[in-house]
Amino acid sequence: MLANAALAVMWIGLTCYALFGGADFGAGLWDLLAGGTMRGRAPRRLIEHSIGPVWEANHVWLIFVVVMLWTDFSPVFAAVMSTLYIPLTLTALGIIARGAAFAFRKASSEVWQQRLFGGFFALSSVITPYFLGSVAGALASGRVPPGLAKGDLVTSWLNPTSALGGVLAVLTCGYLAAVYLTGDASRAGEPDLSAYFRRRALVIGVVTGAVALAGVAVLHADAPGLFHGLTHRALPLVLLSALLGAVSLTLLLRTRLTLVRITAAAAVAAILWSWGVAQYPLMLPPSVTVQDTASQPSALGATLGALAVGAVLLVPSLLWLYALFQLRLAPEHPRDGR
């Protein structure tokens, strides 16, 4: 019972990272695609304004998930970190490079410096979620066996399912970012910029749906266990995600920008939870279960108790931060980046 509770709490943290941190990564994708100096000035200004107050805070969810995995499911932590250390190291480097480049670009006064740091920020914003998605694909396809470095260090994350996971992670982050930025631009009183991101949200939403549909064939061939779970036990969540995705596109077409933030986030959350439901009770497919890898009940109880106390401080603080950000007025017009 405690193990399942710990797993559920960890999955909630993963969902929060996907919805908040993922949108930050997606903003970097649109920064990359914004165009040259003059053409990309307005989109990059909004992106910098939108993610500036919260991008560091959002990484707390990733730290939370890693600590939970290490504390409550240490055999899984050991297997994942040893077999998948290459993509995980690249992920860590991407997060560091992205954060440093974002800060340095804002502090730079020379155009060439802004372009250099902007390039690092944008590229790392795309590469990092790709590697995170490839890690998810490795786990979901059963390529991470128990034990230290028992899986293949290369093919465990270079395979069709991992590639699908990486591409979907990048597209999903881009979709969330475009939806959020559409609303941010509207609240900032910039209708042209809102329309700019709304068009991109519509395009990437359709592309994401098409890739997810094509991915069914990939999973059928490369990850039959996950495919079976998604088409049986988790099918209601899969259908819910598809429905919410269609509703979100409709709301974008009708410029219902407040409601679409909710439906788009819910669609992404449904995708993530459909994976969890499809794989449960396995932690390391095809045979290692939650109960096989869970810590002692005393450790699980202590962890959950500490989280309950910490949440009293953390959750209101984060909510207050997000609320203050949403109340901010139109962004400044700072120096051009890239």
Protein backbone atom coordinates (compact mmCIF):
# COMPACT_ATOMS: atom_id res chain seq x y z
CA MET A 1 0.00 0.00 0.00
CA LEU A 2 2.76 2.44 0.96
CA ALA A 3 4.75 1.51 -2.14
CA ASN A 4 1.80 2.30 -4.40
CA ALA A 5 1.25 5.59 -2.58
CA ALA A 6 4.91 6.52 -3.05
CA LEU A 7 4.70 5.60 -6.73
CA ALA A 8 1.58 7.73 -7.19
CA VAL A 9 3.21 10.73 -5.50
CA MET A 10 6.29 10.29 -7.67
CA TRP A 11 4.11 10.17 -10.78
CA ILE A 12 2.36 13.37 -9.73
CA GLY A 13 5.77 15.02 -9.49
CA LEU A 14 6.68 13.71 -12.95
CA THR A 15 3.42 15.11 -14.31
CA CYS A 16 4.14 18.52 -12.81
CA TYR A 17 7.59 18.53 -14.37
CA ALA A 18 6.14 17.62 -17.75
CA LEU A 19 3.52 20.38 -17.58
CA PHE A 20 5.68 23.18 -16.17
CA GLY A 21 9.28 22.31 -16.97
CA GLY A 22 8.20 20.83 -20.29
CA ALA A 23 6.63 24.12 -21.34
CA ASP A 24 9.89 25.89 -20.51
CA PHE A 25 11.78 23.51 -22.79
CA GLY A 26 9.18 24.04 -25.48
CA ALA A 27 9.69 27.80 -25.26
CA GLY A 28 13.30 27.15 -26.20
CA LEU A 29 12.11 25.30 -29.31
CA TRP A 30 10.16 28.37 -30.42
CA ASP A 31 13.15 30.55 -29.59
CA LEU A 32 15.18 28.37 -31.97
CA LEU A 33 12.56 28.68 -34.73
CA ALA A 34 11.79 32.38 -34.24
CA GLY A 35 14.01 33.50 -37.11
CA GLY A 36 16.65 36.20 -37.44
CA THR A 37 17.34 39.25 -35.35
CA MET A 38 14.47 41.48 -36.44
CA ARG A 39 11.90 38.79 -37.17
CA GLY A 40 12.50 36.94 -33.91
CA ARG A 41 12.70 39.96 -31.61
CA ALA A 42 9.07 39.98 -30.42
CA PRO A 43 8.67 36.19 -29.90
CA ARG A 44 11.98 35.98 -28.02
CA ARG A 45 11.03 38.94 -25.86
CA LEU A 46 7.81 37.23 -24.84
CA ILE A 47 9.58 33.90 -24.27
CA GLU A 48 12.15 35.55 -22.01
CA HIS A 49 9.42 37.35 -20.11
CA SER A 50 7.27 34.23 -19.74
CA ILE A 51 9.84 31.77 -18.47
CA GLY A 52 12.14 34.17 -16.65
CA PRO A 53 10.42 34.14 -13.23
CA VAL A 54 9.78 30.37 -13.03
CA TRP A 55 12.24 28.36 -15.13
CA GLU A 56 14.57 27.56 -12.21
CA ALA A 57 11.70 26.77 -9.84
CA ASN A 58 10.24 24.21 -12.25
CA HIS A 59 13.30 21.97 -11.94
CA VAL A 60 12.30 21.25 -8.35
CA TRP A 61 9.87 18.66 -9.75
CA LEU A 62 12.67 16.73 -11.47
CA ILE A 63 14.76 16.77 -8.31
CA PHE A 64 11.73 15.57 -6.38
CA VAL A 65 11.19 12.60 -8.73
CA VAL A 66 14.87 11.58 -8.67
CA VAL A 67 15.02 11.72 -4.87
CA MET A 68 11.80 9.71 -4.56
CA LEU A 69 13.15 7.06 -6.94
CA TRP A 70 16.44 6.87 -5.06
CA THR A 71 14.82 6.70 -1.62
CA ASP A 72 11.80 4.47 -2.23
CA PHE A 73 12.82 2.33 -5.23
CA SER A 74 16.60 2.16 -4.98
CA PRO A 75 17.07 -0.97 -7.18
CA VAL A 76 15.27 0.83 -10.00
CA PHE A 77 17.37 3.94 -9.40
CA ALA A 78 20.58 1.89 -9.59
CA ALA A 79 19.53 0.09 -12.77
CA VAL A 80 18.37 3.24 -14.54
CA MET A 81 21.33 5.41 -13.57
CA SER A 82 23.90 2.78 -14.55
CA THR A 83 22.38 1.48 -17.78
CA LEU A 84 21.18 4.87 -19.03
CA TYR A 85 24.00 7.04 -17.75
CA ILE A 86 24.83 8.33 -21.25
CA PRO A 87 21.46 9.97 -22.02
CA LEU A 88 21.06 11.01 -18.38
CA THR A 89 24.47 12.69 -18.39
CA LEU A 90 23.59 14.46 -21.62
CA THR A 91 20.30 15.53 -20.02
CA ALA A 92 22.12 16.99 -17.01
CA LEU A 93 24.59 18.81 -19.26
CA GLY A 94 21.68 20.13 -21.33
CA ILE A 95 19.91 21.49 -18.26
CA ILE A 96 23.10 23.17 -17.05
CA ALA A 97 23.95 24.62 -20.47
CA ARG A 98 20.39 25.83 -20.96
CA GLY A 99 20.25 27.61 -17.62
CA ALA A 100 23.65 29.22 -17.98
CA ALA A 101 22.98 30.32 -21.57
CA PHE A 102 19.60 31.80 -20.64
CA ALA A 103 21.18 33.84 -17.84
CA PHE A 104 24.19 34.93 -19.89
CA ARG A 105 22.08 35.97 -22.87
CA LYS A 106 20.00 38.24 -20.70
CA ALA A 107 23.11 39.82 -19.18
CA SER A 108 24.98 40.23 -22.48
CA SER A 109 25.24 43.58 -24.19
CA GLU A 110 26.84 42.55 -27.49
CA VAL A 111 24.67 41.11 -30.26
CA TRP A 112 27.15 38.33 -31.06
CA GLN A 113 27.10 37.25 -27.41
CA GLN A 114 23.32 37.22 -27.35
CA ARG A 115 23.28 35.11 -30.50
CA LEU A 116 25.86 32.67 -29.12
CA PHE A 117 24.14 32.17 -25.78
CA GLY A 118 20.73 32.19 -27.43
CA GLY A 119 21.84 29.37 -29.70
CA PHE A 120 23.00 27.29 -26.74
CA PHE A 121 19.77 28.01 -24.88
CA ALA A 122 17.58 27.03 -27.83
CA LEU A 123 19.49 23.90 -28.85
CA SER A 124 19.75 22.57 -25.29
CA SER A 125 16.01 23.20 -24.87
CA VAL A 126 15.39 20.73 -27.71
CA ILE A 127 18.10 18.17 -26.94
CA THR A 128 17.29 17.83 -23.24
CA PRO A 129 13.63 16.73 -23.54
CA TYR A 130 14.65 14.40 -26.38
CA PHE A 131 17.05 12.54 -24.09
CA LEU A 132 14.47 12.48 -21.29
CA GLY A 133 11.98 10.96 -23.74
CA SER A 134 14.55 8.39 -24.86
CA VAL A 135 15.03 7.35 -21.23
CA ALA A 136 11.28 6.90 -20.88
CA GLY A 137 11.28 4.80 -24.06
CA ALA A 138 14.07 2.61 -22.73
CA LEU A 139 12.14 1.94 -19.53
CA ALA A 140 8.82 1.39 -21.25
CA SER A 141 10.26 -1.07 -23.80
CA GLY A 142 11.94 -3.22 -21.16
CA ARG A 143 15.54 -2.42 -22.07
CA VAL A 144 16.66 -1.66 -18.50
CA PRO A 145 17.18 -4.95 -16.60
CA PRO A 146 17.75 -5.00 -12.83
CA GLY A 147 21.30 -4.71 -11.57
CA LEU A 148 24.20 -2.36 -12.19
CA ALA A 149 24.75 -1.63 -15.89
CA LYS A 150 23.18 -4.93 -16.96
CA GLY A 151 21.55 -3.37 -20.01
CA ASP A 152 23.30 -2.35 -23.21
CA LEU A 153 24.75 1.13 -22.73
CA VAL A 154 23.94 2.19 -26.31
CA THR A 155 21.00 0.24 -27.70
CA SER A 156 19.06 0.67 -24.45
CA TRP A 157 18.31 4.25 -25.51
CA LEU A 158 19.07 4.13 -29.24
CA ASN A 159 16.07 2.16 -30.45
CA PRO A 160 12.70 2.82 -32.12
CA THR A 161 10.70 3.22 -28.90
CA SER A 162 13.25 5.60 -27.38
CA ALA A 163 13.34 7.62 -30.60
CA LEU A 164 9.56 7.83 -30.53
CA GLY A 165 9.64 8.90 -26.89
CA GLY A 166 12.23 11.58 -27.61
CA VAL A 167 10.38 13.03 -30.59
CA LEU A 168 7.07 13.04 -28.73
CA ALA A 169 8.70 14.73 -25.74
CA VAL A 170 10.04 17.55 -27.92
CA LEU A 171 6.74 17.98 -29.75
CA THR A 172 4.68 17.87 -26.57
CA CYS A 173 6.88 20.46 -24.89
CA GLY A 174 6.59 22.68 -27.96
CA TYR A 175 2.82 22.30 -27.99
CA LEU A 176 2.41 23.22 -24.33
CA ALA A 177 4.72 26.20 -24.73
CA ALA A 178 2.84 27.50 -27.76
CA VAL A 179 -0.49 27.20 -25.95
CA TYR A 180 0.81 28.96 -22.84
CA LEU A 181 2.57 31.68 -24.85
CA THR A 182 -0.61 32.34 -26.82
CA GLY A 183 -2.40 33.20 -23.60
CA ASP A 184 0.56 35.17 -22.21
CA ALA A 185 0.69 37.33 -25.32
CA SER A 186 -3.05 37.96 -25.15
CA ARG A 187 -2.87 39.04 -21.51
CA ALA A 188 0.08 41.28 -22.36
CA GLY A 189 -2.08 43.10 -24.90
CA GLU A 190 -0.24 41.83 -27.97
CA PRO A 191 -2.87 40.27 -30.27
CA ASP A 192 -0.49 39.84 -33.22
CA LEU A 193 1.95 37.89 -31.08
CA SER A 194 -0.91 35.86 -29.64
CA ALA A 195 -2.02 34.94 -33.15
CA TYR A 196 1.60 34.08 -34.02
CA PHE A 197 1.83 31.47 -31.26
CA ARG A 198 -1.75 30.28 -31.78
CA ARG A 199 -0.91 29.29 -35.36
CA ARG A 200 2.14 27.42 -34.17
CA ALA A 201 0.15 25.67 -31.44
CA LEU A 202 -2.35 24.46 -34.04
CA VAL A 203 0.37 23.17 -36.37
CA ILE A 204 2.44 21.40 -33.72
CA GLY A 205 -0.72 19.99 -32.12
CA VAL A 206 -1.68 18.31 -35.39
CA VAL A 207 1.89 17.08 -35.92
CA THR A 208 2.04 15.66 -32.39
CA GLY A 209 -1.21 13.79 -32.92
CA ALA A 210 0.04 12.38 -36.21
CA VAL A 211 3.34 11.22 -34.68
CA ALA A 212 1.48 9.62 -31.75
CA LEU A 213 -0.80 7.79 -34.18
CA ALA A 214 2.15 6.57 -36.26
CA GLY A 215 3.88 5.54 -33.04
CA VAL A 216 1.25 2.85 -32.50
CA ALA A 217 2.95 0.79 -35.21
CA VAL A 218 6.35 1.40 -33.61
CA LEU A 219 5.16 0.18 -30.21
CA HIS A 220 3.42 -2.82 -31.72
CA ALA A 221 6.69 -3.95 -33.29
CA ASP A 222 9.24 -2.81 -30.72
CA ALA A 223 7.45 -2.72 -27.34
CA PRO A 224 4.58 -5.25 -27.48
CA GLY A 225 4.12 -5.24 -23.69
CA LEU A 226 3.55 -1.50 -23.60
CA PHE A 227 1.38 -1.69 -26.71
CA HIS A 228 -0.83 -4.30 -25.05
CA GLY A 229 -1.18 -2.20 -21.91
CA LEU A 230 -2.05 0.94 -23.84
CA THR A 231 -4.68 -0.84 -25.93
CA HIS A 232 -6.27 -2.65 -22.98
CA ARG A 233 -5.93 -1.44 -19.41
CA ALA A 234 -4.90 2.14 -20.26
CA LEU A 235 -7.17 2.51 -23.29
CA PRO A 236 -9.65 4.86 -21.54
CA LEU A 237 -6.80 7.26 -20.73
CA VAL A 238 -5.47 7.05 -24.27
CA LEU A 239 -8.90 7.88 -25.67
CA LEU A 240 -9.31 10.67 -23.11
CA SER A 241 -6.01 12.18 -24.20
CA ALA A 242 -7.05 12.05 -27.85
CA LEU A 243 -10.40 13.66 -27.02
CA LEU A 244 -8.77 16.42 -24.96
CA GLY A 245 -6.30 17.02 -27.76
CA ALA A 246 -9.12 17.46 -30.27
CA VAL A 247 -10.98 19.75 -27.88
CA SER A 248 -7.83 21.82 -27.38
CA LEU A 249 -7.39 22.33 -31.11
CA THR A 250 -11.02 23.38 -31.38
CA LEU A 251 -10.61 25.86 -28.54
CA LEU A 252 -7.52 27.28 -30.22
CA LEU A 253 -9.46 27.77 -33.43
CA ARG A 254 -12.15 29.59 -31.45
CA THR A 255 -9.56 31.60 -29.48
CA ARG A 256 -10.71 30.29 -26.10
CA LEU A 257 -7.28 30.87 -24.61
CA THR A 258 -8.00 30.38 -20.92
CA LEU A 259 -9.82 27.07 -21.22
CA VAL A 260 -7.38 25.65 -23.75
CA ARG A 261 -4.54 25.87 -21.23
CA ILE A 262 -6.47 23.47 -19.03
CA THR A 263 -7.45 21.01 -21.75
CA ALA A 264 -3.98 20.99 -23.31
CA ALA A 265 -2.33 20.32 -19.96
CA ALA A 266 -4.90 17.62 -19.19
CA ALA A 267 -4.24 15.94 -22.55
CA VAL A 268 -0.51 15.76 -21.83
CA ALA A 269 -1.14 14.51 -18.29
CA ALA A 270 -3.43 11.79 -19.66
CA ILE A 271 -0.67 10.61 -22.01
CA LEU A 272 1.79 10.34 -19.13
CA TRP A 273 -0.63 8.52 -16.87
CA SER A 274 -1.65 6.14 -19.65
CA TRP A 275 1.98 4.99 -19.78
CA GLY A 276 2.00 4.47 -16.02
CA VAL A 277 -1.27 2.55 -16.02
CA ALA A 278 -0.21 0.46 -19.02
CA GLN A 279 3.04 -0.57 -17.34
CA TYR A 280 1.77 -1.01 -13.75
CA PRO A 281 2.70 -2.95 -11.62
CA LEU A 282 6.01 -3.29 -13.46
CA MET A 283 8.85 -0.93 -12.63
CA LEU A 284 11.38 -2.61 -14.89
CA PRO A 285 9.55 -4.58 -17.58
CA PRO A 286 9.13 -7.38 -18.30
CA SER A 287 9.14 -8.84 -14.76
CA VAL A 288 10.33 -6.52 -11.96
CA THR A 289 7.35 -5.13 -10.05
CA VAL A 290 6.71 -2.28 -7.63
CA GLN A 291 6.78 -4.60 -4.64
CA ASP A 292 10.05 -6.20 -5.78
CA THR A 293 11.88 -2.89 -5.69
CA ALA A 294 10.16 -0.92 -2.92
CA SER A 295 12.01 0.07 0.24
CA GLN A 296 10.98 -1.11 3.69
CA PRO A 297 7.61 0.19 4.96
CA SER A 298 9.40 2.27 7.61
CA ALA A 299 11.43 4.08 4.92
CA LEU A 300 8.38 4.56 2.71
CA GLY A 301 6.36 5.94 5.60
CA ALA A 302 9.13 8.32 6.63
CA THR A 303 9.47 9.60 3.07
CA LEU A 304 5.75 10.18 2.65
CA GLY A 305 5.57 11.90 6.04
CA ALA A 306 8.46 14.21 5.19
CA LEU A 307 6.83 15.03 1.86
CA ALA A 308 3.57 15.91 3.57
CA VAL A 309 5.38 18.37 5.85
CA GLY A 310 7.45 19.80 3.00
CA ALA A 311 4.41 20.21 0.78
CA VAL A 312 2.88 22.59 3.33
CA LEU A 313 5.71 25.01 2.53
CA LEU A 314 6.56 24.16 -1.08
CA VAL A 315 3.15 23.94 -2.75
CA PRO A 316 1.77 27.29 -1.51
CA SER A 317 5.09 28.95 -2.37
CA LEU A 318 5.00 27.66 -5.93
CA LEU A 319 1.34 28.57 -6.33
CA TRP A 320 2.07 32.07 -5.07
CA LEU A 321 4.99 32.38 -7.49
CA TYR A 322 2.83 31.31 -10.45
CA ALA A 323 0.01 33.62 -9.33
CA LEU A 324 2.34 36.61 -9.06
CA PHE A 325 3.72 35.85 -12.50
CA GLN A 326 0.26 35.66 -14.06
CA LEU A 327 -0.61 39.06 -12.57
CA ARG A 328 2.39 40.76 -14.12
CA LEU A 329 1.73 43.41 -16.72
CA ALA A 330 2.97 43.47 -20.30
CA PRO A 331 6.63 42.51 -20.69
CA GLU A 332 9.37 45.00 -21.13
CA HIS A 333 11.06 45.53 -24.46
CA PRO A 334 14.64 44.65 -23.59
CA ARG A 335 17.69 44.39 -25.79
CA ASP A 336 17.32 42.04 -28.71
CA GLY A 337 18.58 38.50 -28.36
CA ARG A 338 20.06 36.59 -31.27
